[in-house]
Structure formats: C-alpha cells, structure tokens
C-alpha atoms as a PDB file:
ATOM      1  CA  UNK A   1     221.557 -53.498 -36.197  1.00  0.00           C
ATOM      2  CA  UNK A   2     219.053 -54.963 -38.651  1.00  0.00           C
ATOM      3  CA  UNK A   3     219.780 -54.169 -42.292  1.00  0.00           C
ATOM      4  CA  UNK A   4     216.778 -53.643 -44.564  1.00  0.00           C
ATOM      5  CA  UNK A   5     216.753 -55.879 -47.658  1.00  0.00           C
ATOM      6  CA  UNK A   6     215.729 -54.393 -51.007  1.00  0.00           C
ATOM      7  CA  UNK A   7     215.214 -56.594 -54.079  1.00  0.00           C
ATOM      8  CA  UNK A   8     214.921 -54.866 -57.470  1.00  0.00           C
ATOM      9  CA  UNK A   9     213.480 -56.728 -60.475  1.00  0.00           C
ATOM     10  CA  UNK A  10     213.747 -55.428 -64.051  1.00  0.00           C
ATOM     11  CA  UNK A  11     211.055 -55.784 -66.684  1.00  0.00           C
ATOM     12  CA  UNK A  12     210.695 -56.260 -70.423  1.00  0.00           C
ATOM     13  CA  UNK A  13     213.248 -55.077 -72.934  1.00  0.00           C
ATOM     14  CA  UNK A  14     216.349 -56.055 -74.825  1.00  0.00           C
ATOM     15  CA  UNK A  15     218.923 -58.302 -73.222  1.00  0.00           C
ATOM     16  CA  UNK A  16     222.544 -57.670 -72.405  1.00  0.00           C
ATOM     17  CA  UNK A  17     221.860 -56.219 -68.981  1.00  0.00           C
ATOM     18  CA  UNK A  18     223.995 -56.571 -65.933  1.00  0.00           C
ATOM     19  CA  UNK A  19     223.041 -55.679 -62.396  1.00  0.00           C
ATOM     20  CA  UNK A  20     224.130 -52.067 -62.929  1.00  0.00           C
ATOM     21  CA  UNK A  21     220.690 -51.417 -64.483  1.00  0.00           C
ATOM     22  CA  UNK A  22     219.413 -50.878 -60.927  1.00  0.00           C
ATOM     23  CA  UNK A  23     222.191 -48.533 -59.784  1.00  0.00           C
ATOM     24  CA  UNK A  24     220.450 -45.212 -60.589  1.00  0.00           C
ATOM     25  CA  UNK A  25     217.367 -46.283 -58.641  1.00  0.00           C
ATOM     26  CA  UNK A  26     219.468 -47.574 -55.767  1.00  0.00           C
ATOM     27  CA  UNK A  27     221.274 -44.240 -55.595  1.00  0.00           C
ATOM     28  CA  UNK A  28     217.951 -42.406 -55.599  1.00  0.00           C
ATOM     29  CA  UNK A  29     216.602 -44.606 -52.798  1.00  0.00           C
ATOM     30  CA  UNK A  30     219.748 -44.007 -50.756  1.00  0.00           C
ATOM     31  CA  UNK A  31     219.410 -40.253 -51.156  1.00  0.00           C
ATOM     32  CA  UNK A  32     215.735 -40.408 -50.197  1.00  0.00           C
ATOM     33  CA  UNK A  33     216.563 -42.578 -47.187  1.00  0.00           C
ATOM     34  CA  UNK A  34     219.322 -40.327 -45.886  1.00  0.00           C
ATOM     35  CA  UNK A  35     217.250 -37.186 -46.350  1.00  0.00           C
ATOM     36  CA  UNK A  36     214.222 -38.651 -44.568  1.00  0.00           C
ATOM     37  CA  UNK A  37     216.300 -40.045 -41.716  1.00  0.00           C
ATOM     38  CA  UNK A  38     217.976 -36.681 -41.111  1.00  0.00           C
ATOM     39  CA  UNK A  39     214.544 -35.061 -40.877  1.00  0.00           C
ATOM     40  CA  UNK A  40     213.463 -37.589 -38.238  1.00  0.00           C
ATOM     41  CA  UNK A  41     216.297 -36.425 -35.919  1.00  0.00           C
ATOM     42  CA  UNK A  42     216.727 -39.672 -34.027  1.00  0.00           C
ATOM     43  CA  UNK A  43     218.538 -38.749 -30.834  1.00  0.00           C
ATOM     44  CA  UNK A  44     218.823 -42.292 -29.493  1.00  0.00           C
ATOM     45  CA  UNK A  45     220.556 -43.770 -32.556  1.00  0.00           C
ATOM     46  CA  UNK A  46     224.242 -43.726 -33.492  1.00  0.00           C
ATOM     47  CA  UNK A  47     224.484 -41.322 -36.429  1.00  0.00           C
ATOM     48  CA  UNK A  48     227.122 -43.476 -38.105  1.00  0.00           C
ATOM     49  CA  UNK A  49     224.686 -46.381 -38.318  1.00  0.00           C
ATOM     50  CA  UNK A  50     221.858 -44.193 -39.618  1.00  0.00           C
ATOM     51  CA  UNK A  51     223.177 -44.051 -43.174  1.00  0.00           C
ATOM     52  CA  UNK A  52     221.890 -45.804 -46.267  1.00  0.00           C
ATOM     53  CA  UNK A  53     225.327 -47.282 -46.912  1.00  0.00           C
ATOM     54  CA  UNK A  54     225.039 -49.488 -43.818  1.00  0.00           C
ATOM     55  CA  UNK A  55     221.270 -49.561 -43.283  1.00  0.00           C
ATOM     56  CA  UNK A  56     220.196 -50.873 -46.696  1.00  0.00           C
ATOM     57  CA  UNK A  57     221.184 -54.087 -48.503  1.00  0.00           C
ATOM     58  CA  UNK A  58     220.405 -54.135 -52.239  1.00  0.00           C
ATOM     59  CA  UNK A  59     220.119 -57.056 -54.620  1.00  0.00           C
ATOM     60  CA  UNK A  60     219.280 -56.666 -58.321  1.00  0.00           C
ATOM     61  CA  UNK A  61     217.698 -59.716 -59.939  1.00  0.00           C
ATOM     62  CA  UNK A  62     218.781 -60.445 -63.499  1.00  0.00           C
ATOM     63  CA  UNK A  63     216.553 -62.722 -65.557  1.00  0.00           C
ATOM     64  CA  UNK A  64     216.589 -61.401 -69.152  1.00  0.00           C
ATOM     65  CA  UNK A  65     219.120 -63.985 -70.379  1.00  0.00           C
ATOM     66  CA  UNK A  66     216.379 -66.601 -69.930  1.00  0.00           C
ATOM     67  CA  UNK A  67     214.321 -65.064 -72.739  1.00  0.00           C
ATOM     68  CA  UNK A  68     216.932 -63.197 -74.793  1.00  0.00           C
ATOM     69  CA  UNK A  69     218.767 -66.225 -76.191  1.00  0.00           C
ATOM     70  CA  UNK A  70     215.678 -67.844 -77.748  1.00  0.00           C
ATOM     71  CA  UNK A  71     214.547 -64.452 -79.061  1.00  0.00           C
ATOM     72  CA  UNK A  72     217.878 -64.001 -80.844  1.00  0.00           C
ATOM     73  CA  UNK A  73     217.613 -67.536 -82.211  1.00  0.00           C
ATOM     74  CA  UNK A  74     214.096 -66.837 -83.515  1.00  0.00           C
ATOM     75  CA  UNK A  75     215.246 -63.747 -85.407  1.00  0.00           C
ATOM     76  CA  UNK A  76     218.159 -65.669 -86.951  1.00  0.00           C
ATOM     77  CA  UNK A  77     215.883 -68.493 -88.099  1.00  0.00           C
ATOM     78  CA  UNK A  78     213.314 -66.114 -89.546  1.00  0.00           C
ATOM     79  CA  UNK A  79     215.656 -63.607 -91.213  1.00  0.00           C
ATOM     80  CA  UNK A  80     219.165 -65.060 -91.134  1.00  0.00           C
ATOM     81  CA  UNK A  81     222.245 -63.317 -89.878  1.00  0.00           C
ATOM     82  CA  UNK A  82     222.127 -59.620 -90.696  1.00  0.00           C
ATOM     83  CA  UNK A  83     225.026 -57.464 -91.729  1.00  0.00           C
ATOM     84  CA  UNK A  84     225.818 -53.997 -90.448  1.00  0.00           C
ATOM     85  CA  UNK A  85     223.803 -52.215 -93.141  1.00  0.00           C
ATOM     86  CA  UNK A  86     220.720 -54.352 -92.517  1.00  0.00           C
ATOM     87  CA  UNK A  87     220.919 -53.749 -88.767  1.00  0.00           C
ATOM     88  CA  UNK A  88     220.617 -50.026 -89.417  1.00  0.00           C
ATOM     89  CA  UNK A  89     217.215 -50.412 -91.074  1.00  0.00           C
ATOM     90  CA  UNK A  90     214.350 -49.089 -88.995  1.00  0.00           C
ATOM     91  CA  UNK A  91     212.124 -52.067 -89.811  1.00  0.00           C
ATOM     92  CA  UNK A  92     214.651 -54.530 -88.408  1.00  0.00           C
ATOM     93  CA  UNK A  93     215.241 -52.364 -85.352  1.00  0.00           C
ATOM     94  CA  UNK A  94     211.499 -52.101 -84.738  1.00  0.00           C
ATOM     95  CA  UNK A  95     211.028 -55.849 -85.165  1.00  0.00           C
ATOM     96  CA  UNK A  96     213.850 -56.607 -82.760  1.00  0.00           C
ATOM     97  CA  UNK A  97     212.362 -54.267 -80.157  1.00  0.00           C
ATOM     98  CA  UNK A  98     208.925 -55.752 -80.678  1.00  0.00           C
ATOM     99  CA  UNK A  99     210.256 -59.273 -80.206  1.00  0.00           C
ATOM    100  CA  UNK A 100     212.014 -58.155 -77.026  1.00  0.00           C
ATOM    101  CA  UNK A 101     208.888 -56.507 -75.633  1.00  0.00           C
ATOM    102  CA  UNK A 102     206.209 -59.002 -76.587  1.00  0.00           C
ATOM    103  CA  UNK A 103     208.529 -61.997 -76.505  1.00  0.00           C
ATOM    104  CA  UNK A 104     209.208 -61.641 -72.789  1.00  0.00           C
ATOM    105  CA  UNK A 105     205.504 -61.502 -71.967  1.00  0.00           C
ATOM    106  CA  UNK A 106     204.548 -64.418 -74.224  1.00  0.00           C
ATOM    107  CA  UNK A 107     207.451 -66.577 -73.082  1.00  0.00           C
ATOM    108  CA  UNK A 108     206.707 -65.972 -69.392  1.00  0.00           C
ATOM    109  CA  UNK A 109     202.996 -66.760 -69.440  1.00  0.00           C
ATOM    110  CA  UNK A 110     201.687 -70.168 -68.461  1.00  0.00           C
ATOM    111  CA  UNK A 111     202.491 -70.463 -64.789  1.00  0.00           C
ATOM    112  CA  UNK A 112     204.692 -73.072 -63.077  1.00  0.00           C
ATOM    113  CA  UNK A 113     204.142 -75.596 -65.888  1.00  0.00           C
ATOM    114  CA  UNK A 114     206.112 -73.298 -68.215  1.00  0.00           C
ATOM    115  CA  UNK A 115     209.890 -73.894 -68.217  1.00  0.00           C
ATOM    116  CA  UNK A 116     210.547 -70.173 -68.839  1.00  0.00           C
ATOM    117  CA  UNK A 117     208.387 -69.211 -65.857  1.00  0.00           C
ATOM    118  CA  UNK A 118     210.340 -71.625 -63.664  1.00  0.00           C
ATOM    119  CA  UNK A 119     213.729 -70.483 -64.974  1.00  0.00           C
ATOM    120  CA  UNK A 120     212.932 -66.806 -64.346  1.00  0.00           C
ATOM    121  CA  UNK A 121     211.759 -67.615 -60.833  1.00  0.00           C
ATOM    122  CA  UNK A 122     214.968 -69.536 -60.239  1.00  0.00           C
ATOM    123  CA  UNK A 123     216.901 -66.353 -61.005  1.00  0.00           C
ATOM    124  CA  UNK A 124     214.789 -64.466 -58.465  1.00  0.00           C
ATOM    125  CA  UNK A 125     215.336 -67.276 -55.973  1.00  0.00           C
ATOM    126  CA  UNK A 126     219.101 -66.829 -56.301  1.00  0.00           C
ATOM    127  CA  UNK A 127     218.830 -63.125 -55.521  1.00  0.00           C
ATOM    128  CA  UNK A 128     216.466 -63.683 -52.609  1.00  0.00           C
ATOM    129  CA  UNK A 129     218.742 -66.445 -51.382  1.00  0.00           C
ATOM    130  CA  UNK A 130     221.662 -64.030 -51.187  1.00  0.00           C
ATOM    131  CA  UNK A 131     219.579 -61.565 -49.186  1.00  0.00           C
ATOM    132  CA  UNK A 132     218.389 -64.351 -46.924  1.00  0.00           C
ATOM    133  CA  UNK A 133     221.895 -65.659 -46.341  1.00  0.00           C
ATOM    134  CA  UNK A 134     223.198 -62.195 -45.458  1.00  0.00           C
ATOM    135  CA  UNK A 135     220.291 -61.605 -43.075  1.00  0.00           C
ATOM    136  CA  UNK A 136     220.799 -64.949 -41.338  1.00  0.00           C
ATOM    137  CA  UNK A 137     224.493 -64.190 -40.890  1.00  0.00           C
ATOM    138  CA  UNK A 138     223.559 -60.857 -39.365  1.00  0.00           C
ATOM    139  CA  UNK A 139     220.730 -61.859 -37.057  1.00  0.00           C
ATOM    140  CA  UNK A 140     220.619 -65.630 -36.895  1.00  0.00           C
ATOM    141  CA  UNK A 141     217.470 -67.681 -37.427  1.00  0.00           C
ATOM    142  CA  UNK A 142     215.126 -65.465 -35.419  1.00  0.00           C
ATOM    143  CA  UNK A 143     212.211 -63.416 -36.692  1.00  0.00           C
ATOM    144  CA  UNK A 144     211.956 -62.991 -40.470  1.00  0.00           C
ATOM    145  CA  UNK A 145     214.137 -60.174 -41.787  1.00  0.00           C
ATOM    146  CA  UNK A 146     212.413 -57.244 -43.530  1.00  0.00           C
ATOM    147  CA  UNK A 147     212.196 -57.287 -47.319  1.00  0.00           C
ATOM    148  CA  UNK A 148     211.150 -54.607 -49.790  1.00  0.00           C
ATOM    149  CA  UNK A 149     210.617 -55.540 -53.439  1.00  0.00           C
ATOM    150  CA  UNK A 150     210.649 -53.003 -56.274  1.00  0.00           C
ATOM    151  CA  UNK A 151     209.512 -54.383 -59.620  1.00  0.00           C
ATOM    152  CA  UNK A 152     209.483 -52.524 -62.927  1.00  0.00           C
ATOM    153  CA  UNK A 153     207.065 -53.338 -65.755  1.00  0.00           C
ATOM    154  CA  UNK A 154     206.820 -57.120 -66.253  1.00  0.00           C
ATOM    155  CA  UNK A 155     209.221 -57.394 -63.322  1.00  0.00           C
ATOM    156  CA  UNK A 156     206.400 -56.320 -61.002  1.00  0.00           C
ATOM    157  CA  UNK A 157     204.276 -59.209 -62.304  1.00  0.00           C
ATOM    158  CA  UNK A 158     207.152 -61.684 -62.001  1.00  0.00           C
ATOM    159  CA  UNK A 159     207.955 -60.558 -58.452  1.00  0.00           C
ATOM    160  CA  UNK A 160     204.293 -60.737 -57.477  1.00  0.00           C
ATOM    161  CA  UNK A 161     203.983 -64.259 -58.898  1.00  0.00           C
ATOM    162  CA  UNK A 162     207.112 -65.345 -57.058  1.00  0.00           C
ATOM    163  CA  UNK A 163     205.854 -64.015 -53.737  1.00  0.00           C
ATOM    164  CA  UNK A 164     202.444 -65.613 -54.310  1.00  0.00           C
ATOM    165  CA  UNK A 165     204.012 -68.994 -55.053  1.00  0.00           C
ATOM    166  CA  UNK A 166     206.165 -68.860 -51.925  1.00  0.00           C
ATOM    167  CA  UNK A 167     203.827 -67.391 -49.332  1.00  0.00           C
ATOM    168  CA  UNK A 168     200.251 -68.547 -49.781  1.00  0.00           C
ATOM    169  CA  UNK A 169     200.971 -71.979 -48.320  1.00  0.00           C
ATOM    170  CA  UNK A 170     202.202 -70.435 -45.077  1.00  0.00           C
ATOM    171  CA  UNK A 171     200.272 -69.272 -42.037  1.00  0.00           C
ATOM    172  CA  UNK A 172     201.498 -65.707 -42.540  1.00  0.00           C
ATOM    173  CA  UNK A 173     200.807 -64.660 -46.154  1.00  0.00           C
ATOM    174  CA  UNK A 174     203.494 -61.958 -46.161  1.00  0.00           C
ATOM    175  CA  UNK A 175     206.349 -64.200 -44.996  1.00  0.00           C
ATOM    176  CA  UNK A 176     208.609 -66.111 -47.380  1.00  0.00           C
ATOM    177  CA  UNK A 177     209.218 -68.913 -44.910  1.00  0.00           C
ATOM    178  CA  UNK A 178     212.002 -70.703 -46.764  1.00  0.00           C
ATOM    179  CA  UNK A 179     214.041 -67.499 -46.980  1.00  0.00           C
ATOM    180  CA  UNK A 180     212.934 -66.262 -43.545  1.00  0.00           C
ATOM    181  CA  UNK A 181     212.063 -62.878 -45.051  1.00  0.00           C
ATOM    182  CA  UNK A 182     208.974 -60.776 -44.384  1.00  0.00           C
ATOM    183  CA  UNK A 183     207.550 -58.703 -47.241  1.00  0.00           C
ATOM    184  CA  UNK A 184     207.159 -55.293 -45.644  1.00  0.00           C
ATOM    185  CA  UNK A 185     206.857 -53.236 -48.833  1.00  0.00           C
ATOM    186  CA  UNK A 186     205.997 -54.031 -52.435  1.00  0.00           C
ATOM    187  CA  UNK A 187     206.524 -51.265 -55.003  1.00  0.00           C
ATOM    188  CA  UNK A 188     205.443 -51.592 -58.628  1.00  0.00           C
ATOM    189  CA  UNK A 189     206.783 -49.119 -61.206  1.00  0.00           C
ATOM    190  CA  UNK A 190     205.275 -48.812 -64.678  1.00  0.00           C
ATOM    191  CA  UNK A 191     203.277 -51.979 -64.081  1.00  0.00           C
ATOM    192  CA  UNK A 192     200.826 -53.581 -66.567  1.00  0.00           C
ATOM    193  CA  UNK A 193     199.322 -55.710 -63.796  1.00  0.00           C
ATOM    194  CA  UNK A 194     195.813 -54.314 -64.329  1.00  0.00           C
ATOM    195  CA  UNK A 195     195.732 -55.902 -67.803  1.00  0.00           C
ATOM    196  CA  UNK A 196     195.484 -59.318 -66.195  1.00  0.00           C
ATOM    197  CA  UNK A 197     191.869 -58.488 -65.379  1.00  0.00           C
ATOM    198  CA  UNK A 198     191.240 -59.429 -69.034  1.00  0.00           C
ATOM    199  CA  UNK A 199     192.076 -63.067 -68.342  1.00  0.00           C
ATOM    200  CA  UNK A 200     189.231 -65.567 -67.963  1.00  0.00           C
ATOM    201  CA  UNK A 201     186.795 -62.844 -68.898  1.00  0.00           C
ATOM    202  CA  UNK A 202     185.462 -63.970 -72.288  1.00  0.00           C
ATOM    203  CA  UNK A 203     182.671 -61.783 -73.629  1.00  0.00           C
ATOM    204  CA  UNK A 204     182.790 -59.757 -70.425  1.00  0.00           C
ATOM    205  CA  UNK A 205     181.432 -62.626 -68.342  1.00  0.00           C
ATOM    206  CA  UNK A 206     182.701 -61.003 -65.173  1.00  0.00           C
ATOM    207  CA  UNK A 207     179.961 -58.770 -63.726  1.00  0.00           C
ATOM    208  CA  UNK A 208     182.458 -55.920 -63.540  1.00  0.00           C
ATOM    209  CA  UNK A 209     185.997 -55.443 -64.780  1.00  0.00           C
ATOM    210  CA  UNK A 210     186.681 -53.987 -61.341  1.00  0.00           C
ATOM    211  CA  UNK A 211     186.067 -57.442 -59.877  1.00  0.00           C
ATOM    212  CA  UNK A 212     188.016 -59.431 -62.458  1.00  0.00           C
ATOM    213  CA  UNK A 213     191.261 -59.873 -60.501  1.00  0.00           C
ATOM    214  CA  UNK A 214     191.789 -62.086 -57.478  1.00  0.00           C
ATOM    215  CA  UNK A 215     193.319 -60.690 -54.318  1.00  0.00           C
ATOM    216  CA  UNK A 216     196.948 -59.611 -54.740  1.00  0.00           C
ATOM    217  CA  UNK A 217     199.922 -60.605 -52.647  1.00  0.00           C
ATOM    218  CA  UNK A 218     199.971 -59.420 -49.045  1.00  0.00           C
ATOM    219  CA  UNK A 219     202.452 -57.113 -47.364  1.00  0.00           C
ATOM    220  CA  UNK A 220     203.018 -56.987 -43.618  1.00  0.00           C
ATOM    221  CA  UNK A 221     199.756 -55.679 -42.124  1.00  0.00           C
ATOM    222  CA  UNK A 222     201.754 -53.952 -39.400  1.00  0.00           C
ATOM    223  CA  UNK A 223     203.086 -50.918 -41.266  1.00  0.00           C
ATOM    224  CA  UNK A 224     203.603 -52.510 -44.675  1.00  0.00           C
ATOM    225  CA  UNK A 225     203.108 -50.641 -47.949  1.00  0.00           C
ATOM    226  CA  UNK A 226     201.747 -51.779 -51.342  1.00  0.00           C
ATOM    227  CA  UNK A 227     202.616 -48.896 -53.696  1.00  0.00           C
ATOM    228  CA  UNK A 228     201.970 -48.583 -57.431  1.00  0.00           C
ATOM    229  CA  UNK A 229     204.017 -45.848 -59.132  1.00  0.00           C
ATOM    230  CA  UNK A 230     202.964 -44.910 -62.649  1.00  0.00           C
ATOM    231  CA  UNK A 231     203.605 -42.092 -65.091  1.00  0.00           C
ATOM    232  CA  UNK A 232     200.336 -41.007 -66.767  1.00  0.00           C
ATOM    233  CA  UNK A 233     202.285 -40.721 -70.048  1.00  0.00           C
ATOM    234  CA  UNK A 234     203.504 -44.315 -69.812  1.00  0.00           C
ATOM    235  CA  UNK A 235     201.265 -46.520 -72.020  1.00  0.00           C
ATOM    236  CA  UNK A 236     202.333 -49.717 -70.269  1.00  0.00           C
ATOM    237  CA  UNK A 237     201.565 -48.498 -66.749  1.00  0.00           C
ATOM    238  CA  UNK A 238     198.079 -48.645 -65.216  1.00  0.00           C
ATOM    239  CA  UNK A 239     196.529 -47.622 -61.905  1.00  0.00           C
ATOM    240  CA  UNK A 240     195.499 -50.508 -59.647  1.00  0.00           C
ATOM    241  CA  UNK A 241     193.168 -48.933 -57.103  1.00  0.00           C
ATOM    242  CA  UNK A 242     190.124 -49.133 -59.438  1.00  0.00           C
ATOM    243  CA  UNK A 243     190.427 -52.938 -59.168  1.00  0.00           C
ATOM    244  CA  UNK A 244     188.377 -53.755 -56.083  1.00  0.00           C
ATOM    245  CA  UNK A 245     190.563 -56.575 -54.749  1.00  0.00           C
ATOM    246  CA  UNK A 246     193.645 -54.374 -54.930  1.00  0.00           C
ATOM    247  CA  UNK A 247     191.958 -51.429 -53.281  1.00  0.00           C
ATOM    248  CA  UNK A 248     190.729 -53.740 -50.517  1.00  0.00           C
ATOM    249  CA  UNK A 249     194.317 -54.948 -50.043  1.00  0.00           C
ATOM    250  CA  UNK A 250     195.432 -51.367 -49.420  1.00  0.00           C
ATOM    251  CA  UNK A 251     197.219 -50.690 -52.714  1.00  0.00           C
ATOM    252  CA  UNK A 252     198.027 -47.004 -53.187  1.00  0.00           C
ATOM    253  CA  UNK A 253     198.382 -45.509 -56.674  1.00  0.00           C
ATOM    254  CA  UNK A 254     200.816 -42.640 -57.032  1.00  0.00           C
ATOM    255  CA  UNK A 255     201.419 -40.747 -60.259  1.00  0.00           C
ATOM    256  CA  UNK A 256     205.046 -39.726 -60.820  1.00  0.00           C
ATOM    257  CA  UNK A 257     206.914 -37.978 -63.590  1.00  0.00           C
ATOM    258  CA  UNK A 258     209.342 -40.497 -65.043  1.00  0.00           C
ATOM    259  CA  UNK A 259     211.920 -39.578 -67.651  1.00  0.00           C
ATOM    260  CA  UNK A 260     213.541 -36.296 -68.632  1.00  0.00           C
ATOM    261  CA  UNK A 261     212.226 -33.270 -70.524  1.00  0.00           C
ATOM    262  CA  UNK A 262     212.932 -35.271 -73.672  1.00  0.00           C
ATOM    263  CA  UNK A 263     211.232 -38.531 -72.668  1.00  0.00           C
ATOM    264  CA  UNK A 264     208.870 -37.720 -69.791  1.00  0.00           C
ATOM    265  CA  UNK A 265     206.017 -36.656 -72.048  1.00  0.00           C
ATOM    266  CA  UNK A 266     205.980 -39.616 -74.446  1.00  0.00           C
ATOM    267  CA  UNK A 267     206.086 -43.407 -74.715  1.00  0.00           C
ATOM    268  CA  UNK A 268     209.737 -43.585 -73.691  1.00  0.00           C
ATOM    269  CA  UNK A 269     208.711 -42.512 -70.193  1.00  0.00           C
ATOM    270  CA  UNK A 270     208.333 -46.249 -69.467  1.00  0.00           C
ATOM    271  CA  UNK A 271     212.104 -46.515 -69.137  1.00  0.00           C
ATOM    272  CA  UNK A 272     212.433 -43.420 -66.957  1.00  0.00           C
ATOM    273  CA  UNK A 273     211.607 -44.865 -63.550  1.00  0.00           C
ATOM    274  CA  UNK A 274     215.177 -45.977 -62.914  1.00  0.00           C
ATOM    275  CA  UNK A 275     216.321 -42.350 -62.729  1.00  0.00           C
ATOM    276  CA  UNK A 276     213.096 -40.888 -61.341  1.00  0.00           C
ATOM    277  CA  UNK A 277     214.046 -38.822 -58.295  1.00  0.00           C
ATOM    278  CA  UNK A 278     210.503 -38.919 -56.962  1.00  0.00           C
ATOM    279  CA  UNK A 279     210.382 -42.707 -57.065  1.00  0.00           C
ATOM    280  CA  UNK A 280     213.685 -42.947 -55.189  1.00  0.00           C
ATOM    281  CA  UNK A 281     212.556 -40.354 -52.646  1.00  0.00           C
ATOM    282  CA  UNK A 282     209.225 -42.067 -51.931  1.00  0.00           C
ATOM    283  CA  UNK A 283     210.757 -45.521 -51.498  1.00  0.00           C
ATOM    284  CA  UNK A 284     213.677 -44.152 -49.488  1.00  0.00           C
ATOM    285  CA  UNK A 285     211.363 -42.274 -47.136  1.00  0.00           C
ATOM    286  CA  UNK A 286     209.328 -45.395 -46.354  1.00  0.00           C
ATOM    287  CA  UNK A 287     212.502 -47.380 -45.710  1.00  0.00           C
ATOM    288  CA  UNK A 288     213.684 -44.637 -43.358  1.00  0.00           C
ATOM    289  CA  UNK A 289     210.482 -44.988 -41.322  1.00  0.00           C
ATOM    290  CA  UNK A 290     210.925 -48.767 -41.218  1.00  0.00           C
ATOM    291  CA  UNK A 291     214.546 -48.484 -40.107  1.00  0.00           C
ATOM    292  CA  UNK A 292     213.815 -45.846 -37.484  1.00  0.00           C
ATOM    293  CA  UNK A 293     211.032 -47.983 -36.028  1.00  0.00           C
ATOM    294  CA  UNK A 294     213.402 -50.914 -35.659  1.00  0.00           C
ATOM    295  CA  UNK A 295     216.309 -49.027 -34.141  1.00  0.00           C
ATOM    296  CA  UNK A 296     214.913 -46.050 -32.242  1.00  0.00           C
ATOM    297  CA  UNK A 297     212.722 -47.061 -29.301  1.00  0.00           C
ATOM    298  CA  UNK A 298     211.776 -43.446 -28.752  1.00  0.00           C
ATOM    299  CA  UNK A 299     210.616 -43.009 -32.358  1.00  0.00           C
ATOM    300  CA  UNK A 300     208.796 -46.356 -32.385  1.00  0.00           C
ATOM    301  CA  UNK A 301     206.865 -45.487 -29.239  1.00  0.00           C
ATOM    302  CA  UNK A 302     206.136 -41.806 -29.754  1.00  0.00           C
ATOM    303  CA  UNK A 303     206.379 -40.837 -33.422  1.00  0.00           C
ATOM    304  CA  UNK A 304     206.101 -43.819 -35.780  1.00  0.00           C
ATOM    305  CA  UNK A 305     202.315 -43.998 -36.145  1.00  0.00           C
ATOM    306  CA  UNK A 306     202.035 -40.271 -36.769  1.00  0.00           C
ATOM    307  CA  UNK A 307     204.927 -40.289 -39.273  1.00  0.00           C
ATOM    308  CA  UNK A 308     203.481 -43.267 -41.180  1.00  0.00           C
ATOM    309  CA  UNK A 309     200.058 -41.633 -41.324  1.00  0.00           C
ATOM    310  CA  UNK A 310     201.612 -38.426 -42.645  1.00  0.00           C
ATOM    311  CA  UNK A 311     203.583 -40.384 -45.252  1.00  0.00           C
ATOM    312  CA  UNK A 312     200.470 -42.163 -46.514  1.00  0.00           C
ATOM    313  CA  UNK A 313     198.653 -38.844 -46.639  1.00  0.00           C
ATOM    314  CA  UNK A 314     201.468 -37.362 -48.726  1.00  0.00           C
ATOM    315  CA  UNK A 315     201.198 -40.283 -51.157  1.00  0.00           C
ATOM    316  CA  UNK A 316     197.579 -39.333 -51.754  1.00  0.00           C
ATOM    317  CA  UNK A 317     198.423 -35.760 -52.635  1.00  0.00           C
ATOM    318  CA  UNK A 318     198.682 -34.858 -56.287  1.00  0.00           C
ATOM    319  CA  UNK A 319     202.359 -34.338 -57.195  1.00  0.00           C
END
C-alpha cells in the first residue's frame, strides 16, 4: 500500500511553536478523509487499510526559530530587558506582534542569496527528507511518491519557493527529483501570495496587475490540485484566480469560514484555518480520491474521473 505524504508549513507569527501547531488541521484532514472514503464504498479494498491512520503520513515543518531569535535580540537592543509590568503594556505587546509579523516577511525576502531564506528552506528540506525516507522504505526507489503540501500564510510562499527551487531544473516540473516525491496537491490557506504582483512593477509599468506574476509552481497534471483557501474576512488572504498566470495554471479559489463565532468575522480569522472544519474536509476529500485511485482498480477505471469532476465542481460552489 502506498501512503500519501502530507507536508504542513506554518506562516508568520510569534515563535515558541512545536509541531503540535498542525495537529488540529491534521485531525480535520483525517476526519475528511475517512468520511469521503466511506462514501466511495470501495468493495475491492481492505477496509482496515482504508483509514487515515494508515493511509496518510503527516510531517509538520517548523522554521520559526530561524527568525524568532534575531527578533527577540532586536527588541532587547532597542528597548532593553522588560519586567513583568512593562510586558503587560499594550504598546509593547503590539510592537512585539508587529515585529513577529513583519519581521518574518522582511527577514525571508531576498531569495537564495539571503541566509535566512536558505536556513528556512533547510528546515523544510529536513521535513521533506523524512517523508522521502519513509516513502523509499515503503516502496523502494520506483516512481515518485505522492506529496501534498499545505501552507498557511507566509508558509504558502515559503513552500512555493522551495518547490520552485527544487523542480524547475527537472524534466517534470511537479517532481522533486532529489526526494523522489511528486507534488500532487498544493493547498494555500490565508495566503498573501497575490501581493507579490507588486514586485518589479514601479509606477504600474506592467500593462495589467493581472499579468504581473510569473507562472506558479506546477502540480501533477494528471489529477493534481492547486487550491487557494481564503476567508473573506482575513486581511492577509487574497484570491489568486484573478492573476492570469495562476488561473492558467488551474488554481482554484475557495472561500471558507475560518475561526469561531468570536474570531471568524474579524482580523483574527487569519489564525483560524488550523481548526477550520471545511478546510480539513476539502483537503481530506481530495486525498481520499487520490488514495482510492491508487488502491482500487475498480474505482480508478470506472469512477475516478467522474468523482474528481464532481469534487472540482463542488469547489466552485459558494459555501
């Protein structure tokens, strides 16, 4: 049995994370996977194998330590060590959050010549390496193993950059050849990627802002999915389909309701994707189709194309 690899990449924010940040989303994806697989009613597959616990392999990348330490050092140099009373002041709390948010973006920019860029990508490489190693142990050095990447906020940009750097030199632009992994699905959540259309566009020199971004990374053309999940209340998230190169690449925008009744209607919705049931359900359903295609000859031959078409149609429906 081929296990589906899922890499999750966090975005901007304060440090101190561990890999448990991804657990709520992983649980949601598992629930969505199991529910979708039950609805497919695969008669030629062992039911014990058709469970998310054995069908999916998760890895959560953790890169925020790369930027958090220098951010803490900057605050100490600028304002000294603060006592308990000072830390309770709203101004200090706001400044710390602002440094965490903007500091990650500023520190990361610059491409491969930037040491921070390289260090963050090294953290992703470690996570991808673990997935690759597990896949090789499972199936040997045959065809590339399937990979789905879910990136939140700046994490979607980082993951996209990493894939671009490690695929464009190959004959197949969706295959990470060194890791022997094939990018089947790429899911962005709360992504600011559309803002990069402002680069190299001084005085609006580009004829249209819709044409101001180069082609994005490529997913497997045979059943792959490029999905952009965004909450309309999230000020950091933007649709991508209006950008012509992304629409041409098959990117699908899907509005979701992130957050709770307390946060889903305001700026804090940006942090709500991790526990968004709809996000987990949509990703889990696509993974269920991928898994069923690999392991059920009957489904692959008779039902896969229809099920994938129906899934894509559902993505287009207003939630």
